[in-house]
Amino acid sequence: MENKREQNQINNKTFDKRNFYTNDDSGKVFIFAILLPYIITFVLYFVCGFIETGLKLESGAITGHVGFLIPVSILTQLSFVAIFLLYNKMFGITYKASTITNKPKWQDILIAILVACVSLFGLYMFANCQDAFLKYVIKYPINEGLIGIPLSNFGWFILNLLVLGILPAVCEELMFRGVVLQGFRKNFSDKIAIVVSALMFALFHSNLQQLIYPFILGLILGWIAIRSGSLIISMIVHLTNNCIVILIAYINKPFLNFQNVWWYYLLAFGLIIITGLIIFIIDKFYFKRKNNNDIEKEKVIKISPFVWVGIGVSVILLVLDTIMRYLG
């Protein structure tokens, strides 16, 4: 009798789980994804700063060392995984909701790598033009190359691949294409879901230099996540993009460095058009089949207040970062 009661409780618990997110979930997870890394970084900086003071070390002796930056970067990314797992656990949501459990086809994997390569090289010169505008026109202090971790030998290269390549591709996709995108898809059209989730992905980076390119990349990642029906595919695109950028930096052979001449701008614009055409062709002829990620829509009129709060917080952080950069 006792065993039967326990089995009924298990069945009821399973039945109560949901296999979808809403835009309310999207907003909550976005807020957590913005604030938790800042909290982790603040605590680590405070503790290490206290140690520096106690040991009478120069300011930045610990916090300015690469041995501090690496664990901070890793913990930041792992915090996204923690948010994903704990949120699903607390609110009784199955992992199916994120489409992480959908097994991709090998053809989709090859298409994902192709899309990543086309997108990166199609937008590379545009990113150079954007950086030049920020640096020379509005005098914005941009970051040159990769940040923090050296690339002086093969060992550092592998570490960069792990910290700046693999971890962000997996952890950030769980957040933005796994939860945020899917939550908006439940309540709005796929086009709106892609655009809004890409905007939130761009704002998440909290600086002007990483605003336009992540937005465009977010559009591509959202599109391929929906059309392929698998979060793993968007992870592969993200991973390939990151790894190529790190490889280019490692071999120190920049692809068409910025040149302030008319043909550079024209070529950058042309490559964007070519990129769009290639993606259009892939969408039209390869993804013409109905994907396995169609979900039952529940239309709502208003976006969740949690979404607006998250966007508001991210805009404030973006403004503060911009002010701090100008102040030096």
C-alpha atoms as a PDB file:
ATOM      1  CA  MET A   1       0.000   0.000   0.000  1.00  0.00           C
ATOM      2  CA  GLU A   2       2.860   2.332   0.929  1.00  0.00           C
ATOM      3  CA  ASN A   3       4.700   1.537  -2.315  1.00  0.00           C
ATOM      4  CA  LYS A   4       1.576   2.327  -4.329  1.00  0.00           C
ATOM      5  CA  ARG A   5       1.208   5.701  -2.570  1.00  0.00           C
ATOM      6  CA  GLU A   6       4.852   6.553  -3.317  1.00  0.00           C
ATOM      7  CA  GLN A   7       4.422   5.558  -6.972  1.00  0.00           C
ATOM      8  CA  ASN A   8       1.371   7.823  -7.267  1.00  0.00           C
ATOM      9  CA  GLN A   9       3.380  10.700  -5.807  1.00  0.00           C
ATOM     10  CA  ILE A  10       6.126  10.108  -8.385  1.00  0.00           C
ATOM     11  CA  ASN A  11       3.588   9.965 -11.213  1.00  0.00           C
ATOM     12  CA  ASN A  12       1.926  13.189 -10.044  1.00  0.00           C
ATOM     13  CA  LYS A  13       5.293  14.914  -9.757  1.00  0.00           C
ATOM     14  CA  THR A  14       6.192  13.819 -13.292  1.00  0.00           C
ATOM     15  CA  PHE A  15       2.811  14.940 -14.585  1.00  0.00           C
ATOM     16  CA  ASP A  16       3.208  18.371 -13.011  1.00  0.00           C
ATOM     17  CA  LYS A  17       6.473  19.036 -14.840  1.00  0.00           C
ATOM     18  CA  ARG A  18       6.183  21.217 -17.918  1.00  0.00           C
ATOM     19  CA  ASN A  19       8.177  20.936 -21.100  1.00  0.00           C
ATOM     20  CA  PHE A  20       8.072  24.588 -22.159  1.00  0.00           C
ATOM     21  CA  TYR A  21       9.208  28.030 -21.023  1.00  0.00           C
ATOM     22  CA  THR A  22       7.244  31.278 -21.143  1.00  0.00           C
ATOM     23  CA  ASN A  23       8.475  34.827 -21.627  1.00  0.00           C
ATOM     24  CA  ASP A  24       8.097  35.178 -17.847  1.00  0.00           C
ATOM     25  CA  ASP A  25      10.796  32.506 -17.501  1.00  0.00           C
ATOM     26  CA  SER A  26      12.869  34.317 -20.120  1.00  0.00           C
ATOM     27  CA  GLY A  27      12.835  37.526 -18.091  1.00  0.00           C
ATOM     28  CA  LYS A  28      13.683  35.866 -14.786  1.00  0.00           C
ATOM     29  CA  VAL A  29      16.559  33.840 -16.201  1.00  0.00           C
ATOM     30  CA  PHE A  30      17.895  36.914 -18.016  1.00  0.00           C
ATOM     31  CA  ILE A  31      17.985  38.866 -14.748  1.00  0.00           C
ATOM     32  CA  PHE A  32      19.821  36.024 -13.014  1.00  0.00           C
ATOM     33  CA  ALA A  33      22.273  35.752 -15.933  1.00  0.00           C
ATOM     34  CA  ILE A  34      23.067  39.475 -15.701  1.00  0.00           C
ATOM     35  CA  LEU A  35      23.394  39.818 -11.942  1.00  0.00           C
ATOM     36  CA  LEU A  36      24.992  36.557 -10.791  1.00  0.00           C
ATOM     37  CA  PRO A  37      28.310  37.057 -12.684  1.00  0.00           C
ATOM     38  CA  TYR A  38      28.561  40.574 -11.239  1.00  0.00           C
ATOM     39  CA  ILE A  39      27.941  39.244  -7.743  1.00  0.00           C
ATOM     40  CA  ILE A  40      30.546  36.491  -8.172  1.00  0.00           C
ATOM     41  CA  THR A  41      33.104  38.956  -9.563  1.00  0.00           C
ATOM     42  CA  PHE A  42      32.425  41.504  -6.812  1.00  0.00           C
ATOM     43  CA  VAL A  43      32.849  38.911  -4.049  1.00  0.00           C
ATOM     44  CA  LEU A  44      36.096  37.590  -5.536  1.00  0.00           C
ATOM     45  CA  TYR A  45      37.497  41.088  -6.037  1.00  0.00           C
ATOM     46  CA  PHE A  46      36.511  42.055  -2.484  1.00  0.00           C
ATOM     47  CA  VAL A  47      38.122  38.960  -0.942  1.00  0.00           C
ATOM     48  CA  CYS A  48      41.306  39.257  -2.996  1.00  0.00           C
ATOM     49  CA  GLY A  49      41.481  43.006  -2.358  1.00  0.00           C
ATOM     50  CA  PHE A  50      41.198  42.302   1.363  1.00  0.00           C
ATOM     51  CA  ILE A  51      44.053  39.781   1.063  1.00  0.00           C
ATOM     52  CA  GLU A  52      46.179  42.315  -0.836  1.00  0.00           C
ATOM     53  CA  THR A  53      45.626  44.857   1.924  1.00  0.00           C
ATOM     54  CA  GLY A  54      46.353  42.321   4.669  1.00  0.00           C
ATOM     55  CA  LEU A  55      49.581  41.197   3.019  1.00  0.00           C
ATOM     56  CA  LYS A  56      50.485  44.810   2.155  1.00  0.00           C
ATOM     57  CA  LEU A  57      50.676  44.008  -1.559  1.00  0.00           C
ATOM     58  CA  GLU A  58      50.281  46.532  -4.334  1.00  0.00           C
ATOM     59  CA  SER A  59      46.725  47.095  -5.515  1.00  0.00           C
ATOM     60  CA  GLY A  60      46.014  44.654  -8.338  1.00  0.00           C
ATOM     61  CA  ALA A  61      48.800  42.268  -7.414  1.00  0.00           C
ATOM     62  CA  ILE A  62      46.234  39.470  -7.210  1.00  0.00           C
ATOM     63  CA  THR A  63      43.181  40.825  -9.038  1.00  0.00           C
ATOM     64  CA  GLY A  64      45.272  41.971 -11.999  1.00  0.00           C
ATOM     65  CA  HIS A  65      46.991  38.614 -12.427  1.00  0.00           C
ATOM     66  CA  VAL A  66      45.961  36.157 -15.149  1.00  0.00           C
ATOM     67  CA  GLY A  67      45.712  33.503 -12.436  1.00  0.00           C
ATOM     68  CA  PHE A  68      42.788  35.501 -11.039  1.00  0.00           C
ATOM     69  CA  LEU A  69      41.132  36.262 -14.373  1.00  0.00           C
ATOM     70  CA  ILE A  70      40.922  32.626 -15.503  1.00  0.00           C
ATOM     71  CA  PRO A  71      38.936  31.236 -12.529  1.00  0.00           C
ATOM     72  CA  VAL A  72      36.677  34.312 -12.587  1.00  0.00           C
ATOM     73  CA  SER A  73      35.895  33.675 -16.263  1.00  0.00           C
ATOM     74  CA  ILE A  74      35.271  29.977 -15.643  1.00  0.00           C
ATOM     75  CA  LEU A  75      33.050  30.596 -12.608  1.00  0.00           C
ATOM     76  CA  THR A  76      31.068  33.199 -14.544  1.00  0.00           C
ATOM     77  CA  GLN A  77      30.275  30.726 -17.300  1.00  0.00           C
ATOM     78  CA  LEU A  78      29.535  27.880 -14.892  1.00  0.00           C
ATOM     79  CA  SER A  79      27.109  30.168 -13.064  1.00  0.00           C
ATOM     80  CA  PHE A  80      24.918  30.077 -16.190  1.00  0.00           C
ATOM     81  CA  VAL A  81      24.800  26.290 -16.005  1.00  0.00           C
ATOM     82  CA  ALA A  82      23.905  26.534 -12.319  1.00  0.00           C
ATOM     83  CA  ILE A  83      21.080  28.980 -13.131  1.00  0.00           C
ATOM     84  CA  PHE A  84      19.795  26.675 -15.867  1.00  0.00           C
ATOM     85  CA  LEU A  85      19.809  23.560 -13.681  1.00  0.00           C
ATOM     86  CA  LEU A  86      18.436  25.189 -10.522  1.00  0.00           C
ATOM     87  CA  TYR A  87      15.719  27.143 -12.338  1.00  0.00           C
ATOM     88  CA  ASN A  88      14.454  24.012 -14.072  1.00  0.00           C
ATOM     89  CA  LYS A  89      14.552  22.137 -10.775  1.00  0.00           C
ATOM     90  CA  MET A  90      12.753  24.813  -8.772  1.00  0.00           C
ATOM     91  CA  PHE A  91       9.971  25.381 -11.293  1.00  0.00           C
ATOM     92  CA  GLY A  92       9.556  21.783 -12.413  1.00  0.00           C
ATOM     93  CA  ILE A  93      10.609  22.272 -16.036  1.00  0.00           C
ATOM     94  CA  THR A  94      12.010  19.393 -18.073  1.00  0.00           C
ATOM     95  CA  TYR A  95      15.189  19.782 -20.100  1.00  0.00           C
ATOM     96  CA  LYS A  96      13.100  19.063 -23.190  1.00  0.00           C
ATOM     97  CA  ALA A  97      11.897  22.664 -22.968  1.00  0.00           C
ATOM     98  CA  SER A  98      15.345  23.918 -24.010  1.00  0.00           C
ATOM     99  CA  THR A  99      15.612  21.381 -26.894  1.00  0.00           C
ATOM    100  CA  ILE A 100      19.003  20.321 -25.490  1.00  0.00           C
ATOM    101  CA  THR A 101      17.711  16.742 -25.557  1.00  0.00           C
ATOM    102  CA  ASN A 102      16.904  16.846 -29.287  1.00  0.00           C
ATOM    103  CA  LYS A 103      19.469  14.802 -31.172  1.00  0.00           C
ATOM    104  CA  PRO A 104      20.789  16.707 -34.206  1.00  0.00           C
ATOM    105  CA  LYS A 105      21.312  15.136 -37.606  1.00  0.00           C
ATOM    106  CA  TRP A 106      24.870  14.920 -38.901  1.00  0.00           C
ATOM    107  CA  GLN A 107      23.855  17.037 -41.893  1.00  0.00           C
ATOM    108  CA  ASP A 108      22.716  19.757 -39.499  1.00  0.00           C
ATOM    109  CA  ILE A 109      26.119  19.676 -37.781  1.00  0.00           C
ATOM    110  CA  LEU A 110      27.895  20.270 -41.098  1.00  0.00           C
ATOM    111  CA  ILE A 111      25.455  23.062 -41.943  1.00  0.00           C
ATOM    112  CA  ALA A 112      26.090  24.603 -38.518  1.00  0.00           C
ATOM    113  CA  ILE A 113      29.855  24.701 -39.130  1.00  0.00           C
ATOM    114  CA  LEU A 114      29.267  26.207 -42.584  1.00  0.00           C
ATOM    115  CA  VAL A 115      26.944  28.876 -41.165  1.00  0.00           C
ATOM    116  CA  ALA A 116      29.488  29.738 -38.445  1.00  0.00           C
ATOM    117  CA  CYS A 117      32.320  30.163 -40.948  1.00  0.00           C
ATOM    118  CA  VAL A 118      30.220  32.186 -43.381  1.00  0.00           C
ATOM    119  CA  SER A 119      28.854  34.385 -40.605  1.00  0.00           C
ATOM    120  CA  LEU A 120      32.241  35.070 -39.031  1.00  0.00           C
ATOM    121  CA  PHE A 121      34.054  36.013 -42.221  1.00  0.00           C
ATOM    122  CA  GLY A 122      30.983  37.803 -43.534  1.00  0.00           C
ATOM    123  CA  LEU A 123      30.833  40.034 -40.469  1.00  0.00           C
ATOM    124  CA  TYR A 124      34.554  40.282 -39.660  1.00  0.00           C
ATOM    125  CA  MET A 125      35.209  43.401 -41.739  1.00  0.00           C
ATOM    126  CA  PHE A 126      31.973  44.965 -40.536  1.00  0.00           C
ATOM    127  CA  ALA A 127      33.160  44.488 -36.948  1.00  0.00           C
ATOM    128  CA  ASN A 128      36.440  46.200 -37.879  1.00  0.00           C
ATOM    129  CA  CYS A 129      34.508  49.157 -39.300  1.00  0.00           C
ATOM    130  CA  GLN A 130      32.412  49.359 -36.154  1.00  0.00           C
ATOM    131  CA  ASP A 131      35.521  49.345 -33.933  1.00  0.00           C
ATOM    132  CA  ALA A 132      37.096  52.061 -36.076  1.00  0.00           C
ATOM    133  CA  PHE A 133      33.977  54.209 -35.723  1.00  0.00           C
ATOM    134  CA  LEU A 134      33.974  53.772 -31.945  1.00  0.00           C
ATOM    135  CA  LYS A 135      37.710  54.448 -31.649  1.00  0.00           C
ATOM    136  CA  TYR A 136      38.217  57.358 -34.045  1.00  0.00           C
ATOM    137  CA  VAL A 137      34.821  59.056 -34.267  1.00  0.00           C
ATOM    138  CA  ILE A 138      33.398  58.918 -30.745  1.00  0.00           C
ATOM    139  CA  LYS A 139      36.766  58.209 -29.047  1.00  0.00           C
ATOM    140  CA  TYR A 140      35.441  55.106 -27.299  1.00  0.00           C
ATOM    141  CA  PRO A 141      38.218  53.078 -25.584  1.00  0.00           C
ATOM    142  CA  ILE A 142      37.924  49.754 -27.377  1.00  0.00           C
ATOM    143  CA  ASN A 143      39.544  46.457 -26.412  1.00  0.00           C
ATOM    144  CA  GLU A 144      42.137  45.313 -28.920  1.00  0.00           C
ATOM    145  CA  GLY A 145      42.137  41.545 -29.580  1.00  0.00           C
ATOM    146  CA  LEU A 146      41.253  38.959 -26.947  1.00  0.00           C
ATOM    147  CA  ILE A 147      41.040  40.011 -23.337  1.00  0.00           C
ATOM    148  CA  GLY A 148      43.202  38.923 -20.427  1.00  0.00           C
ATOM    149  CA  ILE A 149      44.526  35.456 -21.208  1.00  0.00           C
ATOM    150  CA  PRO A 150      47.889  35.315 -23.073  1.00  0.00           C
ATOM    151  CA  LEU A 151      48.236  33.565 -26.434  1.00  0.00           C
ATOM    152  CA  SER A 152      52.020  33.272 -26.479  1.00  0.00           C
ATOM    153  CA  ASN A 153      52.233  29.477 -26.843  1.00  0.00           C
ATOM    154  CA  PHE A 154      50.171  26.389 -27.652  1.00  0.00           C
ATOM    155  CA  GLY A 155      49.301  25.770 -23.998  1.00  0.00           C
ATOM    156  CA  TRP A 156      47.736  29.209 -23.665  1.00  0.00           C
ATOM    157  CA  PHE A 157      45.962  28.625 -26.976  1.00  0.00           C
ATOM    158  CA  ILE A 158      44.288  25.473 -25.608  1.00  0.00           C
ATOM    159  CA  LEU A 159      43.320  27.300 -22.420  1.00  0.00           C
ATOM    160  CA  ASN A 160      41.776  30.110 -24.490  1.00  0.00           C
ATOM    161  CA  LEU A 161      39.798  27.543 -26.458  1.00  0.00           C
ATOM    162  CA  LEU A 162      38.399  26.154 -23.205  1.00  0.00           C
ATOM    163  CA  VAL A 163      37.701  29.410 -21.361  1.00  0.00           C
ATOM    164  CA  LEU A 164      36.732  31.702 -24.263  1.00  0.00           C
ATOM    165  CA  GLY A 165      35.646  29.114 -26.832  1.00  0.00           C
ATOM    166  CA  ILE A 166      33.943  26.020 -25.436  1.00  0.00           C
ATOM    167  CA  LEU A 167      32.518  27.280 -22.131  1.00  0.00           C
ATOM    168  CA  PRO A 168      30.695  30.364 -23.525  1.00  0.00           C
ATOM    169  CA  ALA A 169      29.355  28.361 -26.465  1.00  0.00           C
ATOM    170  CA  VAL A 170      27.719  25.835 -24.147  1.00  0.00           C
ATOM    171  CA  CYS A 171      26.797  27.972 -21.140  1.00  0.00           C
ATOM    172  CA  GLU A 172      25.511  31.067 -22.957  1.00  0.00           C
ATOM    173  CA  GLU A 173      23.468  28.950 -25.364  1.00  0.00           C
ATOM    174  CA  LEU A 174      21.745  27.243 -22.433  1.00  0.00           C
ATOM    175  CA  MET A 175      20.669  30.700 -21.275  1.00  0.00           C
ATOM    176  CA  PHE A 176      19.790  32.549 -24.446  1.00  0.00           C
ATOM    177  CA  ARG A 177      18.695  29.973 -27.000  1.00  0.00           C
ATOM    178  CA  GLY A 178      17.763  27.331 -24.451  1.00  0.00           C
ATOM    179  CA  VAL A 179      15.572  29.434 -22.159  1.00  0.00           C
ATOM    180  CA  VAL A 180      15.182  33.045 -23.347  1.00  0.00           C
ATOM    181  CA  LEU A 181      14.452  32.234 -26.993  1.00  0.00           C
ATOM    182  CA  GLN A 182      12.177  29.286 -26.222  1.00  0.00           C
ATOM    183  CA  GLY A 183      10.270  31.326 -23.642  1.00  0.00           C
ATOM    184  CA  PHE A 184       9.441  34.016 -26.180  1.00  0.00           C
ATOM    185  CA  ARG A 185       8.510  31.377 -28.756  1.00  0.00           C
ATOM    186  CA  LYS A 186       5.790  30.097 -26.445  1.00  0.00           C
ATOM    187  CA  ASN A 187       4.061  33.472 -26.326  1.00  0.00           C
ATOM    188  CA  PHE A 188       5.096  35.251 -29.523  1.00  0.00           C
ATOM    189  CA  SER A 189       5.975  34.524 -33.135  1.00  0.00           C
ATOM    190  CA  ASP A 190       9.343  32.964 -33.923  1.00  0.00           C
ATOM    191  CA  LYS A 191      10.528  36.165 -35.612  1.00  0.00           C
ATOM    192  CA  ILE A 192       9.797  38.263 -32.533  1.00  0.00           C
ATOM    193  CA  ALA A 193      11.405  35.610 -30.317  1.00  0.00           C
ATOM    194  CA  ILE A 194      14.595  35.648 -32.402  1.00  0.00           C
ATOM    195  CA  VAL A 195      14.887  39.450 -32.489  1.00  0.00           C
ATOM    196  CA  VAL A 196      14.134  40.057 -28.799  1.00  0.00           C
ATOM    197  CA  SER A 197      16.380  37.227 -27.580  1.00  0.00           C
ATOM    198  CA  ALA A 198      19.199  38.515 -29.842  1.00  0.00           C
ATOM    199  CA  LEU A 199      18.761  42.010 -28.407  1.00  0.00           C
ATOM    200  CA  MET A 200      18.955  40.631 -24.869  1.00  0.00           C
ATOM    201  CA  PHE A 201      22.038  38.608 -25.830  1.00  0.00           C
ATOM    202  CA  ALA A 202      23.702  41.793 -27.114  1.00  0.00           C
ATOM    203  CA  LEU A 203      22.762  43.854 -24.046  1.00  0.00           C
ATOM    204  CA  PHE A 204      24.050  41.063 -21.811  1.00  0.00           C
ATOM    205  CA  HIS A 205      27.629  41.868 -22.933  1.00  0.00           C
ATOM    206  CA  SER A 206      27.265  45.344 -21.357  1.00  0.00           C
ATOM    207  CA  ASN A 207      29.561  47.371 -23.616  1.00  0.00           C
ATOM    208  CA  LEU A 208      29.219  49.285 -26.859  1.00  0.00           C
ATOM    209  CA  GLN A 209      31.934  47.348 -28.650  1.00  0.00           C
ATOM    210  CA  GLN A 210      30.076  44.086 -28.093  1.00  0.00           C
ATOM    211  CA  LEU A 211      26.626  45.280 -29.033  1.00  0.00           C
ATOM    212  CA  ILE A 212      26.032  45.114 -32.777  1.00  0.00           C
ATOM    213  CA  TYR A 213      28.040  41.974 -33.629  1.00  0.00           C
ATOM    214  CA  PRO A 214      26.513  39.873 -30.798  1.00  0.00           C
ATOM    215  CA  PHE A 215      23.069  41.099 -31.867  1.00  0.00           C
ATOM    216  CA  ILE A 216      23.592  39.893 -35.446  1.00  0.00           C
ATOM    217  CA  LEU A 217      25.186  36.674 -34.180  1.00  0.00           C
ATOM    218  CA  GLY A 218      22.223  36.239 -31.825  1.00  0.00           C
ATOM    219  CA  LEU A 219      19.845  36.509 -34.801  1.00  0.00           C
ATOM    220  CA  ILE A 220      21.766  33.768 -36.608  1.00  0.00           C
ATOM    221  CA  LEU A 221      21.967  31.538 -33.524  1.00  0.00           C
ATOM    222  CA  GLY A 222      18.251  31.967 -32.814  1.00  0.00           C
ATOM    223  CA  TRP A 223      17.348  31.226 -36.420  1.00  0.00           C
ATOM    224  CA  ILE A 224      19.396  28.037 -36.649  1.00  0.00           C
ATOM    225  CA  ALA A 225      18.289  26.846 -33.196  1.00  0.00           C
ATOM    226  CA  ILE A 226      14.656  27.039 -34.303  1.00  0.00           C
ATOM    227  CA  ARG A 227      15.132  25.717 -37.825  1.00  0.00           C
ATOM    228  CA  SER A 228      17.291  22.777 -36.746  1.00  0.00           C
ATOM    229  CA  GLY A 229      15.147  22.035 -33.709  1.00  0.00           C
ATOM    230  CA  SER A 230      18.196  21.407 -31.528  1.00  0.00           C
ATOM    231  CA  LEU A 231      20.080  23.610 -29.083  1.00  0.00           C
ATOM    232  CA  ILE A 232      23.187  21.551 -29.806  1.00  0.00           C
ATOM    233  CA  ILE A 233      23.301  23.019 -33.317  1.00  0.00           C
ATOM    234  CA  SER A 234      23.376  26.622 -32.061  1.00  0.00           C
ATOM    235  CA  MET A 235      26.094  25.553 -29.610  1.00  0.00           C
ATOM    236  CA  ILE A 236      28.161  24.236 -32.533  1.00  0.00           C
ATOM    237  CA  VAL A 237      27.737  27.507 -34.449  1.00  0.00           C
ATOM    238  CA  HIS A 238      28.715  29.516 -31.371  1.00  0.00           C
ATOM    239  CA  LEU A 239      31.670  27.208 -30.656  1.00  0.00           C
ATOM    240  CA  THR A 240      32.971  27.337 -34.227  1.00  0.00           C
ATOM    241  CA  ASN A 241      32.706  31.135 -34.273  1.00  0.00           C
ATOM    242  CA  ASN A 242      34.625  31.465 -30.997  1.00  0.00           C
ATOM    243  CA  CYS A 243      37.337  28.989 -31.944  1.00  0.00           C
ATOM    244  CA  ILE A 244      38.033  30.606 -35.324  1.00  0.00           C
ATOM    245  CA  VAL A 245      38.404  34.015 -33.659  1.00  0.00           C
ATOM    246  CA  ILE A 246      40.869  32.538 -31.145  1.00  0.00           C
ATOM    247  CA  LEU A 247      42.764  30.720 -33.914  1.00  0.00           C
ATOM    248  CA  ILE A 248      43.131  33.926 -35.947  1.00  0.00           C
ATOM    249  CA  ALA A 249      44.445  35.720 -32.858  1.00  0.00           C
ATOM    250  CA  TYR A 250      46.848  32.848 -32.083  1.00  0.00           C
ATOM    251  CA  ILE A 251      48.459  32.660 -35.521  1.00  0.00           C
ATOM    252  CA  ASN A 252      48.570  36.468 -35.529  1.00  0.00           C
ATOM    253  CA  LYS A 253      47.374  36.649 -39.119  1.00  0.00           C
ATOM    254  CA  PRO A 254      44.433  39.075 -39.017  1.00  0.00           C
ATOM    255  CA  PHE A 255      41.902  38.650 -41.796  1.00  0.00           C
ATOM    256  CA  LEU A 256      41.858  41.912 -43.753  1.00  0.00           C
ATOM    257  CA  ASN A 257      42.813  44.448 -41.095  1.00  0.00           C
ATOM    258  CA  PHE A 258      40.858  47.689 -41.105  1.00  0.00           C
ATOM    259  CA  GLN A 259      41.878  50.189 -43.742  1.00  0.00           C
ATOM    260  CA  ASN A 260      40.216  53.565 -43.940  1.00  0.00           C
ATOM    261  CA  VAL A 261      39.593  53.440 -47.690  1.00  0.00           C
ATOM    262  CA  TRP A 262      36.372  53.348 -49.668  1.00  0.00           C
ATOM    263  CA  TRP A 263      36.817  49.824 -50.986  1.00  0.00           C
ATOM    264  CA  TYR A 264      37.105  48.382 -47.453  1.00  0.00           C
ATOM    265  CA  TYR A 265      33.674  49.743 -46.496  1.00  0.00           C
ATOM    266  CA  LEU A 266      32.240  48.565 -49.799  1.00  0.00           C
ATOM    267  CA  LEU A 267      33.698  45.071 -49.331  1.00  0.00           C
ATOM    268  CA  ALA A 268      32.406  44.902 -45.749  1.00  0.00           C
ATOM    269  CA  PHE A 269      28.913  45.815 -46.917  1.00  0.00           C
ATOM    270  CA  GLY A 270      29.135  43.318 -49.791  1.00  0.00           C
ATOM    271  CA  LEU A 271      30.198  40.481 -47.484  1.00  0.00           C
ATOM    272  CA  ILE A 272      27.202  41.141 -45.240  1.00  0.00           C
ATOM    273  CA  ILE A 273      24.900  40.869 -48.259  1.00  0.00           C
ATOM    274  CA  ILE A 274      26.587  37.635 -49.370  1.00  0.00           C
ATOM    275  CA  THR A 275      26.263  36.244 -45.838  1.00  0.00           C
ATOM    276  CA  GLY A 276      22.558  37.047 -45.814  1.00  0.00           C
ATOM    277  CA  LEU A 277      22.067  35.421 -49.219  1.00  0.00           C
ATOM    278  CA  ILE A 278      23.846  32.221 -48.175  1.00  0.00           C
ATOM    279  CA  ILE A 279      21.751  31.978 -45.008  1.00  0.00           C
ATOM    280  CA  PHE A 280      18.608  32.656 -47.051  1.00  0.00           C
ATOM    281  CA  ILE A 281      19.504  29.841 -49.470  1.00  0.00           C
ATOM    282  CA  ILE A 282      20.194  27.437 -46.591  1.00  0.00           C
ATOM    283  CA  ASP A 283      16.880  28.362 -44.988  1.00  0.00           C
ATOM    284  CA  LYS A 284      14.962  28.116 -48.255  1.00  0.00           C
ATOM    285  CA  PHE A 285      16.326  24.856 -49.599  1.00  0.00           C
ATOM    286  CA  TYR A 286      17.885  22.938 -46.700  1.00  0.00           C
ATOM    287  CA  PHE A 287      15.548  23.837 -43.861  1.00  0.00           C
ATOM    288  CA  LYS A 288      12.450  23.691 -46.046  1.00  0.00           C
ATOM    289  CA  ARG A 289      11.329  20.679 -44.037  1.00  0.00           C
ATOM    290  CA  LYS A 290       9.280  21.286 -40.909  1.00  0.00           C
ATOM    291  CA  ASN A 291      11.550  21.149 -37.888  1.00  0.00           C
ATOM    292  CA  ASN A 292      10.932  18.955 -34.865  1.00  0.00           C
ATOM    293  CA  ASN A 293      10.805  21.896 -32.499  1.00  0.00           C
ATOM    294  CA  ASP A 294       7.314  23.246 -33.196  1.00  0.00           C
ATOM    295  CA  ILE A 295       5.545  24.179 -29.973  1.00  0.00           C
ATOM    296  CA  GLU A 296       1.982  25.037 -29.142  1.00  0.00           C
ATOM    297  CA  LYS A 297       1.702  28.799 -28.952  1.00  0.00           C
ATOM    298  CA  GLU A 298       0.035  30.594 -26.063  1.00  0.00           C
ATOM    299  CA  LYS A 299      -0.398  34.137 -27.307  1.00  0.00           C
ATOM    300  CA  VAL A 300      -0.079  36.984 -24.820  1.00  0.00           C
ATOM    301  CA  ILE A 301      -0.437  40.711 -25.357  1.00  0.00           C
ATOM    302  CA  LYS A 302       2.237  41.997 -23.000  1.00  0.00           C
ATOM    303  CA  ILE A 303       5.859  41.122 -22.460  1.00  0.00           C
ATOM    304  CA  SER A 304       6.588  39.977 -18.917  1.00  0.00           C
ATOM    305  CA  PRO A 305       7.642  42.756 -16.502  1.00  0.00           C
ATOM    306  CA  PHE A 306      10.670  40.609 -15.653  1.00  0.00           C
ATOM    307  CA  VAL A 307      11.837  41.052 -19.243  1.00  0.00           C
ATOM    308  CA  TRP A 308      11.572  44.838 -18.974  1.00  0.00           C
ATOM    309  CA  VAL A 309      13.409  44.786 -15.635  1.00  0.00           C
ATOM    310  CA  GLY A 310      16.198  42.679 -17.155  1.00  0.00           C
ATOM    311  CA  ILE A 311      16.520  44.953 -20.173  1.00  0.00           C
ATOM    312  CA  GLY A 312      16.483  48.018 -17.910  1.00  0.00           C
ATOM    313  CA  VAL A 313      19.249  46.615 -15.699  1.00  0.00           C
ATOM    314  CA  SER A 314      21.365  45.663 -18.711  1.00  0.00           C
ATOM    315  CA  VAL A 315      20.976  49.144 -20.238  1.00  0.00           C
ATOM    316  CA  ILE A 316      22.031  50.750 -16.936  1.00  0.00           C
ATOM    317  CA  LEU A 317      25.106  48.501 -16.796  1.00  0.00           C
ATOM    318  CA  LEU A 318      25.901  49.384 -20.423  1.00  0.00           C
ATOM    319  CA  VAL A 319      25.699  53.110 -19.656  1.00  0.00           C
ATOM    320  CA  LEU A 320      27.828  52.741 -16.510  1.00  0.00           C
ATOM    321  CA  ASP A 321      30.447  50.739 -18.418  1.00  0.00           C
ATOM    322  CA  THR A 322      30.570  53.431 -21.103  1.00  0.00           C
ATOM    323  CA  ILE A 323      30.985  56.210 -18.527  1.00  0.00           C
ATOM    324  CA  MET A 324      33.727  54.312 -16.700  1.00  0.00           C
ATOM    325  CA  ARG A 325      35.624  53.727 -19.942  1.00  0.00           C
ATOM    326  CA  TYR A 326      35.581  57.429 -20.801  1.00  0.00           C
ATOM    327  CA  LEU A 327      36.654  58.319 -17.286  1.00  0.00           C
ATOM    328  CA  GLY A 328      39.577  55.953 -17.662  1.00  0.00           C
END
